[in-house]
Amino acid sequence: MLNILCLHGYRQTRKGFYGRTSAFRKSLKKIANFHYLEAPFLVSQDGDTAQPHAIAPCDSRTSGLETSLELVLQAIQTDGPFDGICGFSQGAALAAAVCRRLEGTSFSHGIRFLLLFSGYSIASQPTAGLTLLRTPSLHVWGLQDAQVPSMSSERLSKDFAEPQVHVHDGGHYIPTNPEARRLYNDFMLPFTASDSAANALIN
């Protein structure tokens, strides 16, 4: 079984993201276990109860990036090992930042792939001129995504040396239709211990 660390997006909670990814998780239940991490910051929801925020207290800032990176690195060390990281929206942005940090150190982490949904590059971390990331990555985004423009997700994919890309016609969500399930199967198959287990995804 693959072990995957999951990072939620802006104004989401670990519990909420767990619920929203039920179909996605079910489609991979025969080959993967999922561990959901809670963001370290809170953000007000229009005066309502504050909710966890993946990176920092304000969507347009990344002042808490270092704290968030350390939280993920600590989770990898204490709750892992993890084979991959799955990030959604701002969680995908954070996952990519974690990947860049890991590739630049000798930290023994074991991360072999990334699943990035509706992701984007963190504004304060320009990647122009930086070495392309080598970790295998699958980037999925929707053409009708009103929260993260498709060009932003495409730009994130270009930070990787050999990204796999899937663009769907929907919005800001993780697709779980048969085509998407087959896509996840094909991407994750090389990281599984047996072909038979992974092939069960599409049966």
N, C-alpha and C. Protein backbone atom coordinates (compact mmCIF):
# COMPACT_ATOMS: atom_id res chain seq x y z
N MET A 1 0.83 -1.20 0.00
CA MET A 1 0.00 0.00 0.00
C MET A 1 0.87 1.25 0.00
N LEU A 2 0.49 2.21 -0.82
CA LEU A 2 1.16 3.49 -0.84
C LEU A 2 0.63 4.36 0.29
N ASN A 3 1.48 5.14 0.90
CA ASN A 3 1.07 6.07 1.94
C ASN A 3 1.19 7.49 1.41
N ILE A 4 0.09 8.23 1.48
CA ILE A 4 0.03 9.55 0.87
C ILE A 4 -0.36 10.60 1.91
N LEU A 5 0.41 11.67 1.96
CA LEU A 5 0.13 12.79 2.85
C LEU A 5 -0.74 13.80 2.10
N CYS A 6 -1.86 14.21 2.71
CA CYS A 6 -2.81 15.10 2.03
C CYS A 6 -2.83 16.49 2.67
N LEU A 7 -2.73 17.52 1.81
CA LEU A 7 -2.71 18.90 2.27
C LEU A 7 -3.93 19.63 1.70
N HIS A 8 -4.77 20.15 2.59
CA HIS A 8 -6.00 20.81 2.16
C HIS A 8 -5.72 22.23 1.66
N GLY A 9 -6.75 22.87 1.15
CA GLY A 9 -6.62 24.20 0.58
C GLY A 9 -7.05 25.30 1.53
N TYR A 10 -7.15 26.49 0.97
CA TYR A 10 -7.51 27.71 1.70
C TYR A 10 -8.93 27.61 2.26
N ARG A 11 -9.10 27.99 3.53
CA ARG A 11 -10.39 27.95 4.20
C ARG A 11 -11.01 26.55 4.21
N GLN A 12 -10.16 25.55 4.28
CA GLN A 12 -10.61 24.18 4.45
C GLN A 12 -10.05 23.65 5.77
N THR A 13 -10.60 22.54 6.21
CA THR A 13 -10.08 21.85 7.38
C THR A 13 -9.67 20.44 6.98
N ARG A 14 -8.92 19.82 7.84
CA ARG A 14 -8.55 18.42 7.58
C ARG A 14 -9.81 17.56 7.47
N LYS A 15 -10.74 17.76 8.38
CA LYS A 15 -11.98 16.97 8.37
C LYS A 15 -12.79 17.25 7.11
N GLY A 16 -12.88 18.53 6.74
CA GLY A 16 -13.64 18.88 5.55
C GLY A 16 -13.03 18.32 4.29
N PHE A 17 -11.71 18.38 4.19
CA PHE A 17 -11.02 17.86 3.01
C PHE A 17 -11.15 16.35 2.94
N TYR A 18 -11.13 15.70 4.09
CA TYR A 18 -11.34 14.26 4.15
C TYR A 18 -12.70 13.90 3.55
N GLY A 19 -13.72 14.67 3.93
CA GLY A 19 -15.06 14.42 3.41
C GLY A 19 -15.17 14.70 1.91
N ARG A 20 -14.55 15.79 1.47
CA ARG A 20 -14.64 16.18 0.06
C ARG A 20 -13.89 15.21 -0.85
N THR A 21 -12.93 14.49 -0.31
CA THR A 21 -12.15 13.56 -1.13
C THR A 21 -12.59 12.11 -0.94
N SER A 22 -13.79 11.91 -0.46
CA SER A 22 -14.29 10.56 -0.22
C SER A 22 -14.26 9.69 -1.47
N ALA A 23 -14.78 10.21 -2.57
CA ALA A 23 -14.82 9.44 -3.82
C ALA A 23 -13.41 9.18 -4.35
N PHE A 24 -12.56 10.19 -4.25
CA PHE A 24 -11.17 10.05 -4.69
C PHE A 24 -10.47 8.98 -3.87
N ARG A 25 -10.66 9.04 -2.56
CA ARG A 25 -10.02 8.08 -1.66
C ARG A 25 -10.55 6.66 -1.91
N LYS A 26 -11.84 6.56 -2.14
CA LYS A 26 -12.46 5.26 -2.39
C LYS A 26 -11.91 4.64 -3.66
N SER A 27 -11.66 5.46 -4.68
CA SER A 27 -11.17 4.95 -5.96
C SER A 27 -9.75 4.40 -5.84
N LEU A 28 -9.05 4.77 -4.77
CA LEU A 28 -7.66 4.33 -4.59
C LEU A 28 -7.48 3.44 -3.36
N LYS A 29 -8.60 2.99 -2.77
CA LYS A 29 -8.52 2.31 -1.48
C LYS A 29 -7.75 1.00 -1.51
N LYS A 30 -7.62 0.39 -2.70
CA LYS A 30 -6.92 -0.89 -2.77
C LYS A 30 -5.41 -0.75 -2.90
N ILE A 31 -4.94 0.47 -3.12
CA ILE A 31 -3.49 0.64 -3.24
C ILE A 31 -2.92 1.75 -2.37
N ALA A 32 -3.76 2.55 -1.72
CA ALA A 32 -3.22 3.70 -0.99
C ALA A 32 -3.92 3.97 0.33
N ASN A 33 -3.14 4.41 1.31
CA ASN A 33 -3.64 4.93 2.58
C ASN A 33 -3.39 6.43 2.60
N PHE A 34 -4.28 7.19 3.23
CA PHE A 34 -4.19 8.64 3.21
C PHE A 34 -4.10 9.20 4.62
N HIS A 35 -3.19 10.15 4.80
CA HIS A 35 -3.00 10.83 6.08
C HIS A 35 -3.25 12.32 5.85
N TYR A 36 -4.22 12.89 6.57
CA TYR A 36 -4.61 14.29 6.37
C TYR A 36 -3.98 15.19 7.43
N LEU A 37 -3.36 16.26 6.98
CA LEU A 37 -2.67 17.18 7.88
C LEU A 37 -3.48 18.46 8.04
N GLU A 38 -3.55 18.99 9.26
CA GLU A 38 -4.27 20.24 9.53
C GLU A 38 -3.32 21.42 9.37
N ALA A 39 -3.79 22.48 8.72
CA ALA A 39 -2.97 23.68 8.52
C ALA A 39 -2.67 24.36 9.85
N PRO A 40 -1.53 25.05 9.96
CA PRO A 40 -1.12 25.67 11.23
C PRO A 40 -1.72 27.03 11.51
N PHE A 41 -2.39 27.64 10.52
CA PHE A 41 -2.91 28.99 10.70
C PHE A 41 -4.43 29.01 10.61
N LEU A 42 -5.02 30.07 11.17
CA LEU A 42 -6.46 30.25 11.10
C LEU A 42 -6.78 31.49 10.28
N VAL A 43 -7.91 31.43 9.59
CA VAL A 43 -8.36 32.58 8.81
C VAL A 43 -9.85 32.77 9.08
N SER A 44 -10.27 34.01 9.27
CA SER A 44 -11.66 34.32 9.55
C SER A 44 -12.51 34.08 8.31
N GLN A 45 -13.68 33.50 8.50
CA GLN A 45 -14.61 33.29 7.40
C GLN A 45 -15.74 34.30 7.52
N ASP A 46 -15.47 35.52 7.09
CA ASP A 46 -16.47 36.59 7.10
C ASP A 46 -17.11 36.76 8.47
N GLY A 47 -16.27 36.74 9.50
CA GLY A 47 -16.77 36.95 10.85
C GLY A 47 -17.18 35.69 11.56
N ASP A 48 -17.23 34.58 10.82
CA ASP A 48 -17.61 33.31 11.44
C ASP A 48 -16.39 32.68 12.11
N THR A 49 -16.56 31.47 12.59
CA THR A 49 -15.47 30.76 13.25
C THR A 49 -14.27 30.64 12.32
N ALA A 50 -13.08 30.92 12.85
CA ALA A 50 -11.87 30.84 12.03
C ALA A 50 -11.61 29.40 11.62
N GLN A 51 -11.06 29.25 10.41
CA GLN A 51 -10.77 27.94 9.86
C GLN A 51 -9.29 27.84 9.52
N PRO A 52 -8.74 26.61 9.52
CA PRO A 52 -7.34 26.43 9.18
C PRO A 52 -7.03 26.92 7.76
N HIS A 53 -5.82 27.40 7.60
CA HIS A 53 -5.37 27.94 6.33
C HIS A 53 -4.05 27.26 6.00
N ALA A 54 -3.89 26.79 4.78
CA ALA A 54 -2.75 25.95 4.41
C ALA A 54 -1.41 26.63 4.59
N ILE A 55 -1.31 27.92 4.35
CA ILE A 55 0.00 28.56 4.39
C ILE A 55 0.07 29.70 5.39
N ALA A 56 -0.76 30.72 5.25
CA ALA A 56 -0.64 31.90 6.10
C ALA A 56 -2.00 32.52 6.35
N PRO A 57 -2.08 33.50 7.27
CA PRO A 57 -3.38 34.07 7.64
C PRO A 57 -4.08 34.86 6.54
N CYS A 58 -3.42 35.18 5.46
CA CYS A 58 -4.05 35.95 4.38
C CYS A 58 -3.73 35.29 3.06
N ASP A 59 -4.74 35.13 2.20
CA ASP A 59 -4.57 34.39 0.95
C ASP A 59 -3.51 34.99 0.05
N SER A 60 -3.28 36.30 0.12
CA SER A 60 -2.35 36.93 -0.79
C SER A 60 -0.93 37.02 -0.22
N ARG A 61 -0.71 36.47 0.98
CA ARG A 61 0.59 36.55 1.62
C ARG A 61 1.14 35.16 1.92
N THR A 62 2.43 35.07 2.09
CA THR A 62 3.04 33.79 2.43
C THR A 62 3.98 33.96 3.62
N SER A 63 3.62 34.86 4.53
CA SER A 63 4.46 35.11 5.69
C SER A 63 4.61 33.88 6.57
N GLY A 64 3.68 32.97 6.51
CA GLY A 64 3.75 31.77 7.32
C GLY A 64 4.29 30.57 6.58
N LEU A 65 4.90 30.80 5.42
CA LEU A 65 5.37 29.69 4.61
C LEU A 65 6.37 28.81 5.34
N GLU A 66 7.32 29.43 6.00
CA GLU A 66 8.36 28.65 6.68
C GLU A 66 7.76 27.76 7.76
N THR A 67 6.80 28.31 8.51
CA THR A 67 6.14 27.52 9.56
C THR A 67 5.40 26.34 8.94
N SER A 68 4.73 26.60 7.82
CA SER A 68 3.98 25.54 7.14
C SER A 68 4.91 24.47 6.59
N LEU A 69 6.02 24.89 6.01
CA LEU A 69 6.99 23.94 5.50
C LEU A 69 7.52 23.05 6.63
N GLU A 70 7.83 23.65 7.74
CA GLU A 70 8.35 22.89 8.87
C GLU A 70 7.31 21.90 9.40
N LEU A 71 6.04 22.31 9.38
CA LEU A 71 4.97 21.42 9.83
C LEU A 71 4.91 20.17 8.97
N VAL A 72 4.98 20.37 7.64
CA VAL A 72 4.91 19.24 6.72
C VAL A 72 6.15 18.36 6.87
N LEU A 73 7.32 18.96 6.95
CA LEU A 73 8.55 18.19 7.10
C LEU A 73 8.53 17.37 8.39
N GLN A 74 7.97 17.96 9.45
CA GLN A 74 7.86 17.24 10.72
C GLN A 74 6.90 16.06 10.59
N ALA A 75 5.79 16.27 9.86
CA ALA A 75 4.82 15.19 9.66
C ALA A 75 5.44 14.05 8.86
N ILE A 76 6.24 14.40 7.87
CA ILE A 76 6.91 13.38 7.07
C ILE A 76 7.84 12.55 7.95
N GLN A 77 8.50 13.21 8.86
CA GLN A 77 9.47 12.54 9.72
C GLN A 77 8.81 11.71 10.81
N THR A 78 7.73 12.22 11.39
CA THR A 78 7.12 11.54 12.53
C THR A 78 5.95 10.63 12.17
N ASP A 79 5.19 10.99 11.13
CA ASP A 79 4.02 10.20 10.75
C ASP A 79 4.26 9.32 9.53
N GLY A 80 5.37 9.56 8.84
CA GLY A 80 5.70 8.81 7.64
C GLY A 80 6.30 7.45 7.97
N PRO A 81 6.94 6.82 6.98
CA PRO A 81 7.27 7.44 5.69
C PRO A 81 6.07 7.53 4.77
N PHE A 82 6.10 8.54 3.88
CA PHE A 82 5.07 8.73 2.87
C PHE A 82 5.69 8.54 1.49
N ASP A 83 4.93 7.88 0.62
CA ASP A 83 5.39 7.70 -0.76
C ASP A 83 5.12 8.94 -1.59
N GLY A 84 4.03 9.65 -1.26
CA GLY A 84 3.67 10.81 -2.06
C GLY A 84 2.92 11.85 -1.25
N ILE A 85 2.76 13.01 -1.86
CA ILE A 85 1.98 14.10 -1.26
C ILE A 85 0.88 14.48 -2.24
N CYS A 86 -0.34 14.60 -1.72
CA CYS A 86 -1.48 15.04 -2.50
C CYS A 86 -1.90 16.41 -1.98
N GLY A 87 -1.90 17.41 -2.85
CA GLY A 87 -2.28 18.75 -2.44
C GLY A 87 -3.39 19.30 -3.30
N PHE A 88 -4.31 20.02 -2.67
CA PHE A 88 -5.41 20.63 -3.41
C PHE A 88 -5.34 22.14 -3.26
N SER A 89 -5.37 22.88 -4.38
CA SER A 89 -5.38 24.33 -4.39
C SER A 89 -4.16 24.88 -3.65
N GLN A 90 -4.37 25.59 -2.54
CA GLN A 90 -3.22 26.11 -1.83
C GLN A 90 -2.38 24.99 -1.23
N GLY A 91 -3.02 23.87 -0.94
CA GLY A 91 -2.27 22.71 -0.48
C GLY A 91 -1.33 22.19 -1.55
N ALA A 92 -1.73 22.31 -2.81
CA ALA A 92 -0.86 21.92 -3.92
C ALA A 92 0.32 22.87 -4.04
N ALA A 93 0.05 24.17 -3.83
CA ALA A 93 1.13 25.15 -3.84
C ALA A 93 2.15 24.84 -2.75
N LEU A 94 1.64 24.48 -1.56
CA LEU A 94 2.52 24.14 -0.46
C LEU A 94 3.29 22.85 -0.75
N ALA A 95 2.61 21.87 -1.34
CA ALA A 95 3.28 20.60 -1.68
C ALA A 95 4.45 20.83 -2.62
N ALA A 96 4.26 21.71 -3.60
CA ALA A 96 5.34 22.01 -4.54
C ALA A 96 6.50 22.70 -3.82
N ALA A 97 6.18 23.59 -2.88
CA ALA A 97 7.21 24.28 -2.10
C ALA A 97 7.97 23.29 -1.23
N VAL A 98 7.26 22.33 -0.66
CA VAL A 98 7.89 21.28 0.14
C VAL A 98 8.83 20.46 -0.74
N CYS A 99 8.37 20.15 -1.93
CA CYS A 99 9.18 19.38 -2.87
C CYS A 99 10.49 20.10 -3.19
N ARG A 100 10.40 21.41 -3.43
CA ARG A 100 11.61 22.18 -3.73
C ARG A 100 12.54 22.19 -2.53
N ARG A 101 12.00 22.28 -1.34
CA ARG A 101 12.83 22.25 -0.14
C ARG A 101 13.51 20.89 0.01
N LEU A 102 12.75 19.82 -0.21
CA LEU A 102 13.30 18.48 -0.05
C LEU A 102 14.39 18.18 -1.06
N GLU A 103 14.18 18.62 -2.30
CA GLU A 103 15.18 18.34 -3.33
C GLU A 103 16.47 19.12 -3.11
N GLY A 104 16.41 20.13 -2.28
CA GLY A 104 17.60 20.94 -2.03
C GLY A 104 18.35 20.55 -0.77
N THR A 105 17.94 19.44 -0.13
CA THR A 105 18.58 19.01 1.12
C THR A 105 18.90 17.52 1.06
N SER A 106 19.58 17.06 2.07
CA SER A 106 19.91 15.64 2.18
C SER A 106 18.94 14.93 3.13
N PHE A 107 17.85 15.62 3.48
CA PHE A 107 16.84 15.07 4.38
C PHE A 107 16.26 13.78 3.81
N SER A 108 16.30 12.71 4.57
CA SER A 108 15.78 11.43 4.11
C SER A 108 14.27 11.42 4.25
N HIS A 109 13.56 11.58 3.13
CA HIS A 109 12.11 11.78 3.19
C HIS A 109 11.30 10.69 2.50
N GLY A 110 11.80 10.09 1.46
CA GLY A 110 11.10 9.00 0.79
C GLY A 110 9.98 9.42 -0.14
N ILE A 111 9.74 10.73 -0.32
CA ILE A 111 8.67 11.20 -1.21
C ILE A 111 9.04 10.88 -2.66
N ARG A 112 8.18 10.11 -3.32
CA ARG A 112 8.49 9.67 -4.68
C ARG A 112 7.59 10.30 -5.74
N PHE A 113 6.48 10.93 -5.33
CA PHE A 113 5.60 11.54 -6.33
C PHE A 113 4.70 12.58 -5.67
N LEU A 114 4.11 13.43 -6.52
CA LEU A 114 3.17 14.46 -6.08
C LEU A 114 1.90 14.36 -6.91
N LEU A 115 0.76 14.54 -6.26
CA LEU A 115 -0.54 14.68 -6.92
C LEU A 115 -1.02 16.09 -6.63
N LEU A 116 -1.05 16.94 -7.65
CA LEU A 116 -1.34 18.36 -7.45
C LEU A 116 -2.62 18.75 -8.20
N PHE A 117 -3.64 19.13 -7.44
CA PHE A 117 -4.94 19.47 -8.01
C PHE A 117 -5.20 20.97 -7.86
N SER A 118 -5.53 21.62 -8.98
CA SER A 118 -5.84 23.06 -8.97
C SER A 118 -4.75 23.85 -8.25
N GLY A 119 -3.51 23.54 -8.53
CA GLY A 119 -2.40 24.17 -7.84
C GLY A 119 -1.90 25.44 -8.50
N TYR A 120 -0.98 26.09 -7.83
CA TYR A 120 -0.35 27.29 -8.36
C TYR A 120 0.96 27.52 -7.62
N SER A 121 1.84 28.33 -8.20
CA SER A 121 3.11 28.64 -7.56
C SER A 121 2.89 29.71 -6.49
N ILE A 122 3.63 29.62 -5.41
CA ILE A 122 3.53 30.61 -4.35
C ILE A 122 4.20 31.89 -4.82
N ALA A 123 3.48 33.01 -4.71
CA ALA A 123 3.92 34.28 -5.29
C ALA A 123 5.30 34.72 -4.80
N SER A 124 5.58 34.50 -3.53
CA SER A 124 6.84 34.99 -2.97
C SER A 124 8.01 34.05 -3.23
N GLN A 125 7.74 32.97 -3.96
CA GLN A 125 8.80 32.02 -4.27
C GLN A 125 8.97 31.92 -5.79
N PRO A 126 9.50 32.95 -6.46
CA PRO A 126 9.66 32.90 -7.91
C PRO A 126 10.57 31.76 -8.32
N THR A 127 10.18 31.06 -9.38
CA THR A 127 10.94 29.89 -9.80
C THR A 127 11.74 30.14 -11.07
N ALA A 128 11.61 31.32 -11.66
CA ALA A 128 12.36 31.63 -12.87
C ALA A 128 13.85 31.50 -12.60
N GLY A 129 14.52 30.72 -13.42
CA GLY A 129 15.95 30.56 -13.26
C GLY A 129 16.34 29.45 -12.30
N LEU A 130 15.37 28.89 -11.57
CA LEU A 130 15.66 27.80 -10.64
C LEU A 130 15.67 26.47 -11.38
N THR A 131 16.36 25.51 -10.81
CA THR A 131 16.40 24.17 -11.40
C THR A 131 15.00 23.56 -11.38
N LEU A 132 14.63 22.91 -12.47
CA LEU A 132 13.33 22.26 -12.53
C LEU A 132 13.28 21.11 -11.53
N LEU A 133 12.12 20.93 -10.92
CA LEU A 133 11.94 19.88 -9.93
C LEU A 133 11.91 18.52 -10.62
N ARG A 134 12.56 17.55 -10.01
CA ARG A 134 12.71 16.23 -10.63
C ARG A 134 11.67 15.21 -10.15
N THR A 135 11.01 15.50 -9.03
CA THR A 135 10.03 14.55 -8.49
C THR A 135 8.88 14.35 -9.46
N PRO A 136 8.53 13.09 -9.79
CA PRO A 136 7.40 12.83 -10.68
C PRO A 136 6.14 13.50 -10.14
N SER A 137 5.39 14.15 -11.03
CA SER A 137 4.21 14.89 -10.58
C SER A 137 3.06 14.76 -11.57
N LEU A 138 1.86 14.69 -11.01
CA LEU A 138 0.64 14.69 -11.82
C LEU A 138 -0.13 15.96 -11.48
N HIS A 139 -0.40 16.78 -12.50
CA HIS A 139 -1.08 18.05 -12.31
C HIS A 139 -2.46 17.97 -12.96
N VAL A 140 -3.49 18.26 -12.17
CA VAL A 140 -4.88 18.19 -12.65
C VAL A 140 -5.57 19.51 -12.35
N TRP A 141 -6.21 20.09 -13.36
CA TRP A 141 -6.96 21.31 -13.12
C TRP A 141 -8.12 21.42 -14.10
N GLY A 142 -9.08 22.29 -13.76
CA GLY A 142 -10.28 22.44 -14.58
C GLY A 142 -10.30 23.75 -15.35
N LEU A 143 -10.78 23.70 -16.57
CA LEU A 143 -10.86 24.90 -17.40
C LEU A 143 -11.88 25.90 -16.87
N GLN A 144 -12.85 25.40 -16.08
CA GLN A 144 -13.89 26.27 -15.54
C GLN A 144 -13.63 26.64 -14.08
N ASP A 145 -12.40 26.44 -13.63
CA ASP A 145 -12.05 26.76 -12.24
C ASP A 145 -12.07 28.27 -12.05
N ALA A 146 -13.00 28.76 -11.22
CA ALA A 146 -13.14 30.19 -10.98
C ALA A 146 -12.25 30.68 -9.84
N GLN A 147 -11.63 29.76 -9.10
CA GLN A 147 -10.81 30.15 -7.96
C GLN A 147 -9.32 30.16 -8.27
N VAL A 148 -8.89 29.20 -9.06
CA VAL A 148 -7.48 29.17 -9.50
C VAL A 148 -7.47 29.11 -11.02
N PRO A 149 -7.08 30.19 -11.70
CA PRO A 149 -7.07 30.21 -13.16
C PRO A 149 -6.21 29.08 -13.72
N SER A 150 -6.66 28.53 -14.82
CA SER A 150 -5.93 27.41 -15.42
C SER A 150 -4.49 27.78 -15.77
N MET A 151 -4.25 29.04 -16.12
CA MET A 151 -2.90 29.45 -16.46
C MET A 151 -1.97 29.37 -15.24
N SER A 152 -2.53 29.55 -14.05
CA SER A 152 -1.73 29.45 -12.83
C SER A 152 -1.32 28.01 -12.57
N SER A 153 -2.26 27.08 -12.78
CA SER A 153 -1.95 25.66 -12.61
C SER A 153 -0.96 25.19 -13.67
N GLU A 154 -1.12 25.70 -14.88
CA GLU A 154 -0.19 25.35 -15.95
C GLU A 154 1.21 25.86 -15.63
N ARG A 155 1.28 27.07 -15.08
CA ARG A 155 2.57 27.65 -14.72
C ARG A 155 3.27 26.79 -13.67
N LEU A 156 2.51 26.29 -12.70
CA LEU A 156 3.09 25.42 -11.68
C LEU A 156 3.67 24.16 -12.32
N SER A 157 2.96 23.58 -13.27
CA SER A 157 3.45 22.36 -13.91
C SER A 157 4.78 22.57 -14.60
N LYS A 158 5.04 23.79 -15.05
CA LYS A 158 6.28 24.10 -15.75
C LYS A 158 7.47 24.22 -14.80
N ASP A 159 7.22 24.16 -13.49
CA ASP A 159 8.30 24.14 -12.52
C ASP A 159 8.92 22.75 -12.41
N PHE A 160 8.29 21.77 -13.07
CA PHE A 160 8.75 20.38 -13.00
C PHE A 160 9.37 19.94 -14.32
N ALA A 161 10.36 19.07 -14.22
CA ALA A 161 11.09 18.63 -15.41
C ALA A 161 10.22 17.79 -16.34
N GLU A 162 9.46 16.86 -15.77
CA GLU A 162 8.64 15.96 -16.58
C GLU A 162 7.24 15.81 -15.97
N PRO A 163 6.47 16.87 -15.96
CA PRO A 163 5.13 16.79 -15.36
C PRO A 163 4.16 16.01 -16.23
N GLN A 164 3.24 15.32 -15.60
CA GLN A 164 2.11 14.73 -16.31
C GLN A 164 0.92 15.64 -16.05
N VAL A 165 0.19 15.97 -17.09
CA VAL A 165 -0.88 16.96 -16.99
C VAL A 165 -2.21 16.39 -17.47
N HIS A 166 -3.26 16.71 -16.71
CA HIS A 166 -4.62 16.37 -17.14
C HIS A 166 -5.51 17.58 -16.92
N VAL A 167 -6.11 18.07 -17.98
CA VAL A 167 -7.00 19.22 -17.90
C VAL A 167 -8.43 18.74 -18.18
N HIS A 168 -9.35 19.05 -17.26
CA HIS A 168 -10.74 18.63 -17.44
C HIS A 168 -11.63 19.86 -17.66
N ASP A 169 -12.87 19.62 -17.99
CA ASP A 169 -13.79 20.71 -18.33
C ASP A 169 -14.50 21.30 -17.12
N GLY A 170 -14.23 20.76 -15.93
CA GLY A 170 -14.94 21.20 -14.74
C GLY A 170 -14.27 22.35 -14.02
N GLY A 171 -14.60 22.45 -12.72
CA GLY A 171 -14.13 23.58 -11.93
C GLY A 171 -13.13 23.20 -10.86
N HIS A 172 -13.34 23.76 -9.65
CA HIS A 172 -12.38 23.66 -8.56
C HIS A 172 -12.65 22.42 -7.72
N TYR A 173 -12.29 21.26 -8.24
CA TYR A 173 -12.51 20.02 -7.52
C TYR A 173 -11.59 18.93 -8.06
N ILE A 174 -11.57 17.80 -7.36
CA ILE A 174 -10.79 16.64 -7.79
C ILE A 174 -11.72 15.70 -8.56
N PRO A 175 -11.52 15.54 -9.86
CA PRO A 175 -12.41 14.68 -10.64
C PRO A 175 -12.22 13.21 -10.29
N THR A 176 -13.33 12.46 -10.30
CA THR A 176 -13.26 11.02 -10.00
C THR A 176 -14.07 10.20 -11.00
N ASN A 177 -14.24 10.74 -12.20
CA ASN A 177 -14.92 9.97 -13.24
C ASN A 177 -14.00 8.84 -13.72
N PRO A 178 -14.50 7.90 -14.51
CA PRO A 178 -13.68 6.77 -14.95
C PRO A 178 -12.36 7.17 -15.61
N GLU A 179 -12.39 8.22 -16.43
CA GLU A 179 -11.17 8.68 -17.08
C GLU A 179 -10.13 9.14 -16.06
N ALA A 180 -10.59 9.89 -15.05
CA ALA A 180 -9.68 10.38 -14.02
C ALA A 180 -9.14 9.23 -13.18
N ARG A 181 -9.98 8.28 -12.86
CA ARG A 181 -9.53 7.14 -12.06
C ARG A 181 -8.47 6.34 -12.80
N ARG A 182 -8.65 6.18 -14.10
CA ARG A 182 -7.65 5.47 -14.90
C ARG A 182 -6.34 6.26 -14.94
N LEU A 183 -6.47 7.57 -15.00
CA LEU A 183 -5.30 8.43 -15.00
C LEU A 183 -4.49 8.25 -13.71
N TYR A 184 -5.17 8.27 -12.57
CA TYR A 184 -4.48 8.09 -11.29
C TYR A 184 -3.83 6.71 -11.23
N ASN A 185 -4.55 5.72 -11.73
CA ASN A 185 -4.02 4.36 -11.77
C ASN A 185 -2.72 4.30 -12.58
N ASP A 186 -2.75 4.87 -13.78
CA ASP A 186 -1.58 4.82 -14.66
C ASP A 186 -0.39 5.57 -14.06
N PHE A 187 -0.68 6.68 -13.39
CA PHE A 187 0.41 7.46 -12.80
C PHE A 187 1.03 6.75 -11.60
N MET A 188 0.19 6.14 -10.75
CA MET A 188 0.67 5.56 -9.51
C MET A 188 1.16 4.13 -9.65
N LEU A 189 0.81 3.47 -10.75
CA LEU A 189 1.19 2.08 -10.96
C LEU A 189 2.68 1.82 -10.77
N PRO A 190 3.58 2.65 -11.33
CA PRO A 190 5.02 2.36 -11.16
C PRO A 190 5.50 2.41 -9.71
N PHE A 191 4.73 3.04 -8.83
CA PHE A 191 5.16 3.18 -7.43
C PHE A 191 4.58 2.09 -6.53
N THR A 192 3.74 1.23 -7.08
CA THR A 192 3.13 0.17 -6.28
C THR A 192 3.97 -1.09 -6.30
N ALA A 193 3.71 -1.97 -5.35
CA ALA A 193 4.50 -3.20 -5.24
C ALA A 193 4.07 -4.24 -6.27
N SER A 194 2.81 -4.18 -6.71
CA SER A 194 2.33 -5.17 -7.66
C SER A 194 1.36 -4.56 -8.64
N ASP A 195 1.45 -4.98 -9.87
CA ASP A 195 0.55 -4.49 -10.91
C ASP A 195 -0.89 -4.90 -10.63
N SER A 196 -1.10 -6.09 -10.09
CA SER A 196 -2.45 -6.58 -9.88
C SER A 196 -3.23 -5.70 -8.92
N ALA A 197 -2.56 -5.20 -7.88
CA ALA A 197 -3.23 -4.35 -6.91
C ALA A 197 -3.65 -3.05 -7.54
N ALA A 198 -2.78 -2.45 -8.34
CA ALA A 198 -3.10 -1.17 -8.97
C ALA A 198 -4.17 -1.31 -10.02
N ASN A 199 -4.15 -2.42 -10.76
CA ASN A 199 -5.13 -2.62 -11.81
C ASN A 199 -6.54 -2.76 -11.26
N ALA A 200 -6.67 -3.07 -9.98
CA ALA A 200 -7.99 -3.20 -9.36
C ALA A 200 -8.72 -1.86 -9.34
N LEU A 201 -7.98 -0.77 -9.51
CA LEU A 201 -8.61 0.56 -9.51
C LEU A 201 -9.65 0.71 -10.60
N ILE A 202 -9.40 0.10 -11.74
CA ILE A 202 -10.27 0.36 -12.88
C ILE A 202 -11.24 -0.78 -13.13
N ASN A 203 -11.29 -1.74 -12.23
CA ASN A 203 -12.22 -2.87 -12.38
C ASN A 203 -13.50 -2.63 -11.60
